[in-house]
Amino acid sequence: MTTSLKDLEKIVNSGLSTAVRKSEIKFNQLFIDIKVEDLKSIILFLKTNDKCKFKQLIDITAVDYIDKEQRFKIVYLLLSHENNLRIVINADIEEGKEAPSITKIFTSSNWMEREVFDMYGISFEGHPDLRRILTDYGFEGYPLRKDFPLSGHTEVRYSEDKKKVISEPVKLEQDYRDFDFQSPWEGTKYILEESSKNKNKKNNEQKN
């Protein structure tokens, strides 16, 4: 007999007692908020419990709430094939604090934790090989943080002088650019001016 979503919420709340700070069913999934310190024991419970059977880790990601004391929220998505259920685990964490690695519970979390580290700068205690995975060697900053500049800190381009690809600081020189912020439905300034000239010319020709 498979476990229903409401049954799952009861099992999680009773089995994990005070470890679950909040639980809610929405979008046909169970959402739970936990303390980051309890993460490993909760993940292990959800995987090994006979009524839960969350045997697959779908993803690990994070959210940056730059103005909050606990700046980041780490999000874990698990799937139970046998029960056809999904659970979303949210854990708040302060900037500079390490989250426990779950690589010994789900080996697939290796690359997922590296991606969160690369994009947000969140470290995972006990990870076997915590290195950047998407950005290049020597990359500066963490691209998915709210305070990361949209242009980045460096740019990569091909240098004709050196005949190779080089990396250099971003230069945003706009001395020779004129930005027109008019609505695209109205047309840009030079098109409107040209249109006005043509209209005046046509009117003069008709008068003559």
N, C-alpha and C. Protein backbone atom coordinates (compact mmCIF):
# COMPACT_ATOMS: atom_id res chain seq x y z
N MET A 1 0.84 -1.20 0.00
CA MET A 1 0.00 0.00 0.00
C MET A 1 0.88 1.26 0.00
N THR A 2 0.61 2.16 -0.95
CA THR A 2 1.42 3.37 -1.05
C THR A 2 1.00 4.42 -0.01
N THR A 3 1.93 5.30 0.29
CA THR A 3 1.68 6.36 1.26
C THR A 3 1.13 7.59 0.56
N SER A 4 0.07 8.19 1.11
CA SER A 4 -0.50 9.40 0.53
C SER A 4 0.27 10.62 1.01
N LEU A 5 -0.01 11.75 0.40
CA LEU A 5 0.69 12.99 0.76
C LEU A 5 0.37 13.42 2.20
N LYS A 6 -0.89 13.28 2.60
CA LYS A 6 -1.28 13.64 3.96
C LYS A 6 -0.68 12.67 4.98
N ASP A 7 -0.63 11.39 4.60
CA ASP A 7 0.01 10.40 5.47
C ASP A 7 1.49 10.72 5.64
N LEU A 8 2.12 11.14 4.53
CA LEU A 8 3.54 11.47 4.57
C LEU A 8 3.80 12.62 5.52
N GLU A 9 2.95 13.62 5.51
CA GLU A 9 3.13 14.77 6.40
C GLU A 9 3.05 14.33 7.87
N LYS A 10 2.12 13.43 8.17
CA LYS A 10 1.98 12.92 9.54
C LYS A 10 3.21 12.10 9.94
N ILE A 11 3.68 11.26 9.01
CA ILE A 11 4.85 10.41 9.30
C ILE A 11 6.08 11.26 9.55
N VAL A 12 6.28 12.28 8.72
CA VAL A 12 7.44 13.16 8.85
C VAL A 12 7.39 13.93 10.17
N ASN A 13 6.23 14.48 10.49
CA ASN A 13 6.12 15.27 11.73
C ASN A 13 6.26 14.42 12.98
N SER A 14 5.73 13.20 12.93
CA SER A 14 5.83 12.33 14.11
C SER A 14 7.22 11.70 14.21
N GLY A 15 7.77 11.30 13.08
CA GLY A 15 9.08 10.63 13.09
C GLY A 15 10.24 11.56 13.36
N LEU A 16 10.10 12.81 12.93
CA LEU A 16 11.20 13.77 13.11
C LEU A 16 10.92 14.76 14.23
N SER A 17 9.72 14.71 14.78
CA SER A 17 9.28 15.53 15.93
C SER A 17 9.74 16.99 15.82
N THR A 18 10.62 17.43 16.71
CA THR A 18 11.00 18.86 16.78
C THR A 18 11.95 19.28 15.66
N ALA A 19 12.47 18.35 14.90
CA ALA A 19 13.41 18.70 13.82
C ALA A 19 12.71 19.46 12.69
N VAL A 20 11.42 19.21 12.52
CA VAL A 20 10.64 19.90 11.48
C VAL A 20 10.01 21.15 12.08
N ARG A 21 10.41 22.30 11.60
CA ARG A 21 9.91 23.57 12.13
C ARG A 21 8.55 23.93 11.55
N LYS A 22 8.32 23.51 10.29
CA LYS A 22 7.06 23.83 9.62
C LYS A 22 6.86 22.84 8.48
N SER A 23 5.62 22.42 8.26
CA SER A 23 5.30 21.55 7.12
C SER A 23 4.05 22.09 6.43
N GLU A 24 4.02 21.93 5.11
CA GLU A 24 2.89 22.46 4.33
C GLU A 24 2.76 21.69 3.03
N ILE A 25 1.52 21.35 2.67
CA ILE A 25 1.26 20.69 1.39
C ILE A 25 0.78 21.74 0.39
N LYS A 26 1.50 21.86 -0.71
CA LYS A 26 1.08 22.76 -1.79
C LYS A 26 1.73 22.29 -3.09
N PHE A 27 1.05 22.58 -4.19
CA PHE A 27 1.50 22.15 -5.52
C PHE A 27 1.72 20.63 -5.58
N ASN A 28 0.89 19.91 -4.82
CA ASN A 28 0.96 18.45 -4.78
C ASN A 28 2.32 17.94 -4.30
N GLN A 29 2.95 18.69 -3.41
CA GLN A 29 4.22 18.31 -2.81
C GLN A 29 4.20 18.68 -1.33
N LEU A 30 5.07 18.03 -0.55
CA LEU A 30 5.21 18.37 0.85
C LEU A 30 6.44 19.26 1.03
N PHE A 31 6.24 20.42 1.62
CA PHE A 31 7.33 21.35 1.92
C PHE A 31 7.60 21.32 3.41
N ILE A 32 8.87 21.17 3.79
CA ILE A 32 9.21 21.22 5.21
C ILE A 32 10.38 22.19 5.42
N ASP A 33 10.32 22.93 6.54
CA ASP A 33 11.42 23.81 6.94
C ASP A 33 12.15 23.17 8.11
N ILE A 34 13.49 23.16 8.01
CA ILE A 34 14.29 22.50 9.05
C ILE A 34 15.49 23.37 9.41
N LYS A 35 16.18 22.97 10.48
CA LYS A 35 17.46 23.59 10.81
C LYS A 35 18.55 22.88 10.01
N VAL A 36 19.52 23.63 9.54
CA VAL A 36 20.57 23.04 8.70
C VAL A 36 21.37 21.98 9.46
N GLU A 37 21.45 22.12 10.78
CA GLU A 37 22.20 21.15 11.59
C GLU A 37 21.55 19.76 11.56
N ASP A 38 20.22 19.72 11.33
CA ASP A 38 19.49 18.44 11.33
C ASP A 38 19.39 17.82 9.93
N LEU A 39 20.03 18.43 8.96
CA LEU A 39 19.85 18.03 7.56
C LEU A 39 20.17 16.55 7.30
N LYS A 40 21.33 16.10 7.75
CA LYS A 40 21.75 14.73 7.44
C LYS A 40 20.81 13.69 8.04
N SER A 41 20.41 13.90 9.29
CA SER A 41 19.54 12.93 9.94
C SER A 41 18.16 12.90 9.28
N ILE A 42 17.69 14.06 8.82
CA ILE A 42 16.38 14.12 8.16
C ILE A 42 16.43 13.46 6.79
N ILE A 43 17.47 13.73 6.02
CA ILE A 43 17.64 13.11 4.70
C ILE A 43 17.73 11.59 4.85
N LEU A 44 18.48 11.14 5.84
CA LEU A 44 18.64 9.70 6.07
C LEU A 44 17.31 9.06 6.46
N PHE A 45 16.53 9.74 7.28
CA PHE A 45 15.21 9.24 7.68
C PHE A 45 14.30 9.09 6.46
N LEU A 46 14.26 10.11 5.62
CA LEU A 46 13.38 10.10 4.45
C LEU A 46 13.78 9.01 3.44
N LYS A 47 15.06 8.70 3.40
CA LYS A 47 15.53 7.68 2.44
C LYS A 47 15.29 6.26 2.96
N THR A 48 15.48 6.05 4.25
CA THR A 48 15.46 4.68 4.79
C THR A 48 14.14 4.27 5.42
N ASN A 49 13.28 5.24 5.76
CA ASN A 49 12.01 4.88 6.38
C ASN A 49 11.14 4.09 5.40
N ASP A 50 10.55 2.98 5.87
CA ASP A 50 9.78 2.08 5.01
C ASP A 50 8.55 2.74 4.39
N LYS A 51 8.03 3.78 5.02
CA LYS A 51 6.83 4.43 4.49
C LYS A 51 7.14 5.67 3.66
N CYS A 52 8.38 6.13 3.73
CA CYS A 52 8.78 7.32 2.96
C CYS A 52 9.45 6.92 1.64
N LYS A 53 10.55 6.21 1.74
CA LYS A 53 11.26 5.66 0.57
C LYS A 53 11.64 6.72 -0.47
N PHE A 54 12.22 7.81 0.01
CA PHE A 54 12.73 8.83 -0.92
C PHE A 54 14.13 8.42 -1.36
N LYS A 55 14.17 7.62 -2.41
CA LYS A 55 15.42 7.01 -2.85
C LYS A 55 16.17 7.84 -3.89
N GLN A 56 15.54 8.91 -4.40
CA GLN A 56 16.21 9.69 -5.43
C GLN A 56 16.30 11.17 -5.04
N LEU A 57 17.51 11.70 -5.14
CA LEU A 57 17.74 13.13 -4.96
C LEU A 57 17.62 13.80 -6.32
N ILE A 58 16.64 14.68 -6.47
CA ILE A 58 16.40 15.34 -7.75
C ILE A 58 17.34 16.52 -7.96
N ASP A 59 17.47 17.36 -6.93
CA ASP A 59 18.30 18.56 -7.10
C ASP A 59 18.61 19.19 -5.75
N ILE A 60 19.68 19.99 -5.74
CA ILE A 60 20.01 20.85 -4.61
C ILE A 60 20.24 22.24 -5.19
N THR A 61 19.58 23.22 -4.62
CA THR A 61 19.78 24.59 -5.08
C THR A 61 19.74 25.53 -3.87
N ALA A 62 19.76 26.83 -4.12
CA ALA A 62 19.76 27.79 -3.02
C ALA A 62 19.08 29.08 -3.46
N VAL A 63 18.74 29.90 -2.48
CA VAL A 63 18.13 31.21 -2.71
C VAL A 63 18.89 32.22 -1.87
N ASP A 64 19.16 33.39 -2.44
CA ASP A 64 19.89 34.44 -1.72
C ASP A 64 18.91 35.52 -1.26
N TYR A 65 18.70 35.61 0.06
CA TYR A 65 17.92 36.70 0.65
C TYR A 65 18.92 37.67 1.26
N ILE A 66 19.43 38.57 0.44
CA ILE A 66 20.60 39.37 0.81
C ILE A 66 20.41 40.21 2.06
N ASP A 67 19.18 40.62 2.35
CA ASP A 67 18.94 41.51 3.49
C ASP A 67 18.60 40.78 4.79
N LYS A 68 18.49 39.45 4.74
CA LYS A 68 18.12 38.69 5.93
C LYS A 68 19.38 38.29 6.71
N GLU A 69 19.20 38.08 8.02
CA GLU A 69 20.33 37.67 8.86
C GLU A 69 20.86 36.31 8.40
N GLN A 70 19.94 35.36 8.20
CA GLN A 70 20.33 34.08 7.60
C GLN A 70 20.15 34.24 6.09
N ARG A 71 21.21 34.64 5.45
CA ARG A 71 21.15 35.13 4.07
C ARG A 71 20.63 34.10 3.08
N PHE A 72 21.03 32.84 3.25
CA PHE A 72 20.71 31.82 2.24
C PHE A 72 19.69 30.80 2.72
N LYS A 73 18.98 30.26 1.75
CA LYS A 73 18.11 29.11 1.98
C LYS A 73 18.56 28.02 1.02
N ILE A 74 18.95 26.86 1.57
CA ILE A 74 19.32 25.72 0.74
C ILE A 74 18.07 24.86 0.55
N VAL A 75 17.85 24.43 -0.68
CA VAL A 75 16.64 23.69 -1.03
C VAL A 75 17.01 22.32 -1.58
N TYR A 76 16.42 21.27 -1.00
CA TYR A 76 16.64 19.90 -1.44
C TYR A 76 15.34 19.32 -1.98
N LEU A 77 15.39 18.71 -3.16
CA LEU A 77 14.21 18.11 -3.77
C LEU A 77 14.40 16.60 -3.86
N LEU A 78 13.50 15.85 -3.21
CA LEU A 78 13.59 14.39 -3.19
C LEU A 78 12.35 13.77 -3.83
N LEU A 79 12.53 12.58 -4.40
CA LEU A 79 11.44 11.87 -5.07
C LEU A 79 11.34 10.44 -4.55
N SER A 80 10.11 10.02 -4.25
CA SER A 80 9.84 8.62 -3.90
C SER A 80 9.11 7.98 -5.08
N HIS A 81 9.80 7.10 -5.79
CA HIS A 81 9.20 6.44 -6.95
C HIS A 81 8.06 5.51 -6.52
N GLU A 82 8.27 4.80 -5.45
CA GLU A 82 7.29 3.80 -5.00
C GLU A 82 5.98 4.45 -4.57
N ASN A 83 6.08 5.61 -3.94
CA ASN A 83 4.87 6.30 -3.47
C ASN A 83 4.42 7.41 -4.42
N ASN A 84 5.23 7.68 -5.44
CA ASN A 84 4.95 8.77 -6.38
C ASN A 84 4.75 10.09 -5.64
N LEU A 85 5.68 10.40 -4.74
CA LEU A 85 5.60 11.61 -3.91
C LEU A 85 6.89 12.41 -4.02
N ARG A 86 6.74 13.71 -3.85
CA ARG A 86 7.89 14.60 -3.85
C ARG A 86 7.89 15.41 -2.55
N ILE A 87 9.09 15.69 -2.06
CA ILE A 87 9.23 16.51 -0.86
C ILE A 87 10.29 17.57 -1.11
N VAL A 88 10.04 18.77 -0.61
CA VAL A 88 10.97 19.91 -0.75
C VAL A 88 11.43 20.31 0.64
N ILE A 89 12.73 20.27 0.86
CA ILE A 89 13.30 20.57 2.17
C ILE A 89 14.01 21.91 2.11
N ASN A 90 13.61 22.83 3.00
CA ASN A 90 14.22 24.16 3.07
C ASN A 90 15.00 24.30 4.36
N ALA A 91 16.25 24.80 4.24
CA ALA A 91 17.07 25.02 5.43
C ALA A 91 17.77 26.37 5.32
N ASP A 92 17.53 27.25 6.29
CA ASP A 92 18.18 28.57 6.31
C ASP A 92 19.61 28.43 6.81
N ILE A 93 20.50 29.25 6.25
CA ILE A 93 21.90 29.20 6.66
C ILE A 93 22.53 30.58 6.54
N GLU A 94 23.37 30.93 7.50
CA GLU A 94 24.04 32.22 7.49
C GLU A 94 25.20 32.22 6.50
N GLU A 95 25.56 33.41 6.04
CA GLU A 95 26.71 33.54 5.15
C GLU A 95 27.98 33.16 5.91
N GLY A 96 28.82 32.34 5.29
CA GLY A 96 30.07 31.92 5.92
C GLY A 96 29.95 30.64 6.74
N LYS A 97 28.72 30.17 6.97
CA LYS A 97 28.53 28.93 7.72
C LYS A 97 28.47 27.74 6.78
N GLU A 98 29.01 26.61 7.20
CA GLU A 98 29.02 25.41 6.36
C GLU A 98 27.77 24.57 6.57
N ALA A 99 27.29 24.00 5.49
CA ALA A 99 26.18 23.03 5.56
C ALA A 99 26.78 21.63 5.53
N PRO A 100 26.14 20.66 6.18
CA PRO A 100 26.67 19.29 6.14
C PRO A 100 26.50 18.67 4.75
N SER A 101 27.53 18.01 4.28
CA SER A 101 27.45 17.33 2.99
C SER A 101 26.67 16.03 3.14
N ILE A 102 25.87 15.69 2.11
CA ILE A 102 25.10 14.44 2.15
C ILE A 102 25.61 13.46 1.09
N THR A 103 26.87 13.61 0.70
CA THR A 103 27.44 12.75 -0.34
C THR A 103 27.49 11.28 0.08
N LYS A 104 27.54 11.01 1.39
CA LYS A 104 27.57 9.62 1.84
C LYS A 104 26.17 9.01 1.85
N ILE A 105 25.14 9.84 1.75
CA ILE A 105 23.76 9.34 1.69
C ILE A 105 23.31 9.25 0.24
N PHE A 106 23.57 10.32 -0.52
CA PHE A 106 23.30 10.34 -1.96
C PHE A 106 24.58 10.73 -2.69
N THR A 107 25.20 9.79 -3.38
CA THR A 107 26.45 10.10 -4.08
C THR A 107 26.24 11.14 -5.19
N SER A 108 25.02 11.22 -5.72
CA SER A 108 24.72 12.18 -6.78
C SER A 108 24.80 13.63 -6.28
N SER A 109 24.80 13.82 -4.96
CA SER A 109 24.86 15.18 -4.41
C SER A 109 26.23 15.81 -4.58
N ASN A 110 27.22 15.00 -4.96
CA ASN A 110 28.59 15.51 -5.13
C ASN A 110 28.63 16.72 -6.06
N TRP A 111 28.15 16.55 -7.28
CA TRP A 111 28.17 17.65 -8.26
C TRP A 111 27.17 18.74 -7.90
N MET A 112 26.04 18.36 -7.31
CA MET A 112 25.02 19.35 -6.95
C MET A 112 25.55 20.31 -5.87
N GLU A 113 26.25 19.77 -4.88
CA GLU A 113 26.82 20.61 -3.84
C GLU A 113 27.93 21.49 -4.39
N ARG A 114 28.68 20.97 -5.34
CA ARG A 114 29.72 21.77 -5.98
C ARG A 114 29.11 22.93 -6.77
N GLU A 115 27.96 22.69 -7.39
CA GLU A 115 27.29 23.75 -8.15
C GLU A 115 26.79 24.86 -7.22
N VAL A 116 26.21 24.48 -6.07
CA VAL A 116 25.75 25.46 -5.09
C VAL A 116 26.94 26.26 -4.55
N PHE A 117 28.05 25.57 -4.30
CA PHE A 117 29.27 26.24 -3.84
C PHE A 117 29.77 27.22 -4.89
N ASP A 118 29.76 26.81 -6.15
CA ASP A 118 30.25 27.63 -7.25
C ASP A 118 29.38 28.87 -7.48
N MET A 119 28.06 28.69 -7.42
CA MET A 119 27.14 29.77 -7.74
C MET A 119 26.84 30.70 -6.56
N TYR A 120 26.84 30.15 -5.33
CA TYR A 120 26.44 30.93 -4.15
C TYR A 120 27.55 31.09 -3.11
N GLY A 121 28.60 30.29 -3.20
CA GLY A 121 29.68 30.37 -2.21
C GLY A 121 29.36 29.69 -0.90
N ILE A 122 28.37 28.79 -0.89
CA ILE A 122 28.03 28.03 0.32
C ILE A 122 28.89 26.77 0.37
N SER A 123 29.64 26.60 1.45
CA SER A 123 30.52 25.44 1.60
C SER A 123 29.79 24.29 2.27
N PHE A 124 30.27 23.07 1.98
CA PHE A 124 29.66 21.86 2.54
C PHE A 124 30.72 21.07 3.31
N GLU A 125 30.48 20.96 4.61
CA GLU A 125 31.41 20.24 5.48
C GLU A 125 31.39 18.75 5.17
N GLY A 126 32.57 18.17 4.94
CA GLY A 126 32.67 16.74 4.67
C GLY A 126 32.59 16.39 3.19
N HIS A 127 32.51 17.39 2.31
CA HIS A 127 32.48 17.09 0.87
C HIS A 127 33.86 16.61 0.43
N PRO A 128 33.94 15.55 -0.36
CA PRO A 128 35.23 14.96 -0.72
C PRO A 128 36.07 15.79 -1.69
N ASP A 129 35.44 16.69 -2.46
CA ASP A 129 36.20 17.42 -3.49
C ASP A 129 35.46 18.71 -3.85
N LEU A 130 35.43 19.65 -2.92
CA LEU A 130 34.63 20.86 -3.10
C LEU A 130 35.41 21.88 -3.94
N ARG A 131 35.18 21.84 -5.26
CA ARG A 131 35.78 22.79 -6.20
C ARG A 131 34.69 23.39 -7.08
N ARG A 132 35.02 24.50 -7.72
CA ARG A 132 34.09 25.08 -8.69
C ARG A 132 33.85 24.09 -9.81
N ILE A 133 32.64 24.15 -10.39
CA ILE A 133 32.27 23.16 -11.40
C ILE A 133 31.75 23.79 -12.70
N LEU A 134 31.24 25.02 -12.63
CA LEU A 134 30.70 25.69 -13.82
C LEU A 134 31.56 26.85 -14.29
N THR A 135 32.17 27.57 -13.36
CA THR A 135 33.00 28.71 -13.73
C THR A 135 34.44 28.26 -13.95
N ASP A 136 35.26 29.18 -14.48
CA ASP A 136 36.63 28.85 -14.85
C ASP A 136 37.56 28.96 -13.64
N TYR A 137 38.80 28.50 -13.82
CA TYR A 137 39.81 28.60 -12.77
C TYR A 137 40.06 30.08 -12.45
N GLY A 138 40.14 30.41 -11.17
CA GLY A 138 40.41 31.77 -10.76
C GLY A 138 39.24 32.73 -10.91
N PHE A 139 38.04 32.18 -11.12
CA PHE A 139 36.85 33.04 -11.27
C PHE A 139 36.61 33.82 -9.98
N GLU A 140 36.24 35.08 -10.12
CA GLU A 140 36.02 35.94 -8.96
C GLU A 140 34.54 36.10 -8.66
N GLY A 141 34.14 35.84 -7.41
CA GLY A 141 32.76 36.04 -7.00
C GLY A 141 31.87 34.83 -7.23
N TYR A 142 30.59 35.00 -6.90
CA TYR A 142 29.60 33.92 -7.01
C TYR A 142 28.41 34.43 -7.82
N PRO A 143 28.22 33.95 -9.05
CA PRO A 143 27.30 34.55 -10.02
C PRO A 143 25.83 34.67 -9.61
N LEU A 144 25.32 33.78 -8.75
CA LEU A 144 23.90 33.83 -8.42
C LEU A 144 23.61 34.58 -7.12
N ARG A 145 24.62 35.19 -6.54
CA ARG A 145 24.37 36.06 -5.38
C ARG A 145 23.76 37.37 -5.87
N LYS A 146 22.91 37.96 -5.04
CA LYS A 146 22.22 39.18 -5.43
C LYS A 146 23.18 40.37 -5.63
N ASP A 147 24.34 40.34 -4.96
CA ASP A 147 25.27 41.47 -5.08
C ASP A 147 26.31 41.27 -6.18
N PHE A 148 26.18 40.20 -6.97
CA PHE A 148 27.12 39.97 -8.06
C PHE A 148 26.73 40.87 -9.24
N PRO A 149 27.66 41.68 -9.79
CA PRO A 149 27.31 42.59 -10.89
C PRO A 149 26.87 41.83 -12.14
N LEU A 150 25.86 42.37 -12.83
CA LEU A 150 25.34 41.71 -14.03
C LEU A 150 26.41 41.55 -15.11
N SER A 151 27.35 42.48 -15.14
CA SER A 151 28.41 42.42 -16.15
C SER A 151 29.54 41.50 -15.74
N GLY A 152 29.56 41.07 -14.47
CA GLY A 152 30.66 40.26 -13.98
C GLY A 152 31.88 41.13 -13.67
N HIS A 153 32.96 40.53 -13.22
CA HIS A 153 34.18 41.26 -12.89
C HIS A 153 35.20 41.20 -14.02
N THR A 154 35.18 40.12 -14.77
CA THR A 154 36.13 39.95 -15.87
C THR A 154 35.41 39.51 -17.14
N GLU A 155 36.05 39.70 -18.27
CA GLU A 155 35.50 39.25 -19.54
C GLU A 155 36.57 38.49 -20.33
N VAL A 156 36.13 37.58 -21.14
CA VAL A 156 37.04 36.78 -21.96
C VAL A 156 36.86 37.18 -23.41
N ARG A 157 37.96 37.45 -24.10
CA ARG A 157 37.90 37.82 -25.51
C ARG A 157 39.16 37.34 -26.24
N TYR A 158 39.09 37.33 -27.55
CA TYR A 158 40.26 36.96 -28.35
C TYR A 158 41.08 38.20 -28.65
N SER A 159 42.36 38.16 -28.34
CA SER A 159 43.25 39.29 -28.58
C SER A 159 43.99 39.10 -29.90
N GLU A 160 43.80 40.05 -30.81
CA GLU A 160 44.51 39.99 -32.09
C GLU A 160 46.01 40.20 -31.90
N ASP A 161 46.36 41.01 -30.91
CA ASP A 161 47.78 41.29 -30.66
C ASP A 161 48.52 40.06 -30.15
N LYS A 162 47.88 39.38 -29.15
CA LYS A 162 48.53 38.21 -28.54
C LYS A 162 48.19 36.90 -29.24
N LYS A 163 47.18 36.96 -30.16
CA LYS A 163 46.77 35.78 -30.92
C LYS A 163 46.31 34.64 -30.00
N LYS A 164 45.58 35.00 -28.97
CA LYS A 164 45.04 33.99 -28.06
C LYS A 164 43.89 34.58 -27.27
N VAL A 165 43.14 33.71 -26.58
CA VAL A 165 42.03 34.16 -25.73
C VAL A 165 42.59 34.69 -24.42
N ILE A 166 42.16 35.88 -24.03
CA ILE A 166 42.66 36.48 -22.79
C ILE A 166 41.50 36.85 -21.87
N SER A 167 41.80 36.98 -20.59
CA SER A 167 40.82 37.41 -19.60
C SER A 167 41.27 38.75 -19.05
N GLU A 168 40.34 39.72 -18.96
CA GLU A 168 40.69 41.04 -18.48
C GLU A 168 39.51 41.66 -17.75
N PRO A 169 39.76 42.69 -16.91
CA PRO A 169 38.65 43.35 -16.19
C PRO A 169 37.62 43.93 -17.15
N VAL A 170 36.36 43.92 -16.74
CA VAL A 170 35.29 44.44 -17.58
C VAL A 170 35.43 45.96 -17.71
N LYS A 171 35.31 46.44 -18.94
CA LYS A 171 35.34 47.88 -19.20
C LYS A 171 34.00 48.27 -19.81
N LEU A 172 33.31 49.18 -19.15
CA LEU A 172 32.00 49.60 -19.64
C LEU A 172 32.07 51.06 -20.10
N GLU A 173 32.79 51.27 -21.18
CA GLU A 173 32.91 52.62 -21.73
C GLU A 173 31.77 52.85 -22.72
N GLN A 174 30.99 53.89 -22.47
CA GLN A 174 29.82 54.18 -23.31
C GLN A 174 29.91 55.58 -23.90
N ASP A 175 31.13 56.06 -24.16
CA ASP A 175 31.31 57.44 -24.62
C ASP A 175 30.60 57.74 -25.93
N TYR A 176 30.50 56.74 -26.79
CA TYR A 176 29.98 56.98 -28.13
C TYR A 176 28.62 56.34 -28.37
N ARG A 177 27.91 56.08 -27.30
CA ARG A 177 26.60 55.46 -27.44
C ARG A 177 25.51 56.39 -26.94
N ASP A 178 24.41 56.43 -27.67
CA ASP A 178 23.28 57.28 -27.31
C ASP A 178 22.06 56.38 -27.12
N PHE A 179 21.63 56.21 -25.86
CA PHE A 179 20.54 55.29 -25.56
C PHE A 179 19.20 56.01 -25.71
N ASP A 180 18.28 55.40 -26.44
CA ASP A 180 16.95 55.95 -26.66
C ASP A 180 15.95 55.07 -25.93
N PHE A 181 15.29 55.62 -24.89
CA PHE A 181 14.41 54.83 -24.05
C PHE A 181 12.94 54.99 -24.40
N GLN A 182 12.65 55.46 -25.62
CA GLN A 182 11.27 55.59 -26.03
C GLN A 182 10.64 54.22 -26.25
N SER A 183 9.31 54.20 -26.18
CA SER A 183 8.60 52.94 -26.41
C SER A 183 8.86 52.44 -27.82
N PRO A 184 9.09 51.14 -28.00
CA PRO A 184 9.31 50.60 -29.35
C PRO A 184 8.10 50.80 -30.25
N TRP A 185 6.91 51.02 -29.63
CA TRP A 185 5.71 51.25 -30.43
C TRP A 185 5.73 52.64 -31.06
N GLU A 186 6.44 53.56 -30.39
CA GLU A 186 6.52 54.92 -30.92
C GLU A 186 7.64 55.05 -31.95
N GLY A 187 8.63 54.20 -31.84
CA GLY A 187 9.77 54.27 -32.75
C GLY A 187 10.91 55.04 -32.12
N THR A 188 12.12 54.76 -32.58
CA THR A 188 13.29 55.47 -32.04
C THR A 188 13.34 56.89 -32.59
N LYS A 189 14.14 57.71 -31.95
CA LYS A 189 14.17 59.14 -32.24
C LYS A 189 14.53 59.44 -33.70
N TYR A 190 15.58 58.76 -34.21
CA TYR A 190 16.02 59.06 -35.57
C TYR A 190 14.98 58.65 -36.61
N ILE A 191 14.19 57.60 -36.31
CA ILE A 191 13.14 57.18 -37.24
C ILE A 191 12.00 58.20 -37.23
N LEU A 192 11.66 58.71 -36.03
CA LEU A 192 10.61 59.72 -35.93
C LEU A 192 11.01 61.00 -36.66
N GLU A 193 12.28 61.40 -36.52
CA GLU A 193 12.76 62.61 -37.19
C GLU A 193 12.71 62.44 -38.71
N GLU A 194 13.14 61.27 -39.18
CA GLU A 194 13.14 60.99 -40.62
C GLU A 194 11.71 60.97 -41.15
N SER A 195 10.82 60.38 -40.37
CA SER A 195 9.42 60.31 -40.76
C SER A 195 8.80 61.70 -40.85
N SER A 196 9.17 62.57 -39.87
CA SER A 196 8.65 63.93 -39.86
C SER A 196 9.15 64.72 -41.06
N LYS A 197 10.41 64.52 -41.43
CA LYS A 197 10.99 65.19 -42.60
C LYS A 197 10.26 64.79 -43.88
N ASN A 198 10.03 63.48 -44.03
CA ASN A 198 9.35 62.97 -45.22
C ASN A 198 7.92 63.51 -45.32
N LYS A 199 7.27 63.62 -44.14
CA LYS A 199 5.90 64.10 -44.12
C LYS A 199 5.83 65.57 -44.53
N ASN A 200 6.78 66.38 -44.01
CA ASN A 200 6.83 67.80 -44.35
C ASN A 200 7.16 68.00 -45.83
N LYS A 201 8.05 67.16 -46.33
CA LYS A 201 8.43 67.25 -47.74
C LYS A 201 7.25 66.94 -48.64
N LYS A 202 6.48 65.91 -48.24
CA LYS A 202 5.30 65.50 -49.02
C LYS A 202 4.25 66.61 -49.02
N ASN A 203 4.04 67.26 -47.86
CA ASN A 203 3.06 68.34 -47.75
C ASN A 203 3.45 69.53 -48.62
N ASN A 204 4.77 69.86 -48.64
CA ASN A 204 5.24 70.97 -49.46
C ASN A 204 5.05 70.71 -50.95
N GLU A 205 5.28 69.44 -51.35
CA GLU A 205 5.13 69.08 -52.75
C GLU A 205 3.68 69.19 -53.18
N GLN A 206 2.77 68.80 -52.26
CA GLN A 206 1.33 68.86 -52.58
C GLN A 206 0.87 70.32 -52.71
N LYS A 207 1.44 71.22 -51.90
CA LYS A 207 1.07 72.63 -51.96
C LYS A 207 1.52 73.28 -53.28
N ASN A 208 2.71 72.83 -53.72
CA ASN A 208 3.25 73.38 -54.96
C ASN A 208 2.56 72.75 -56.17
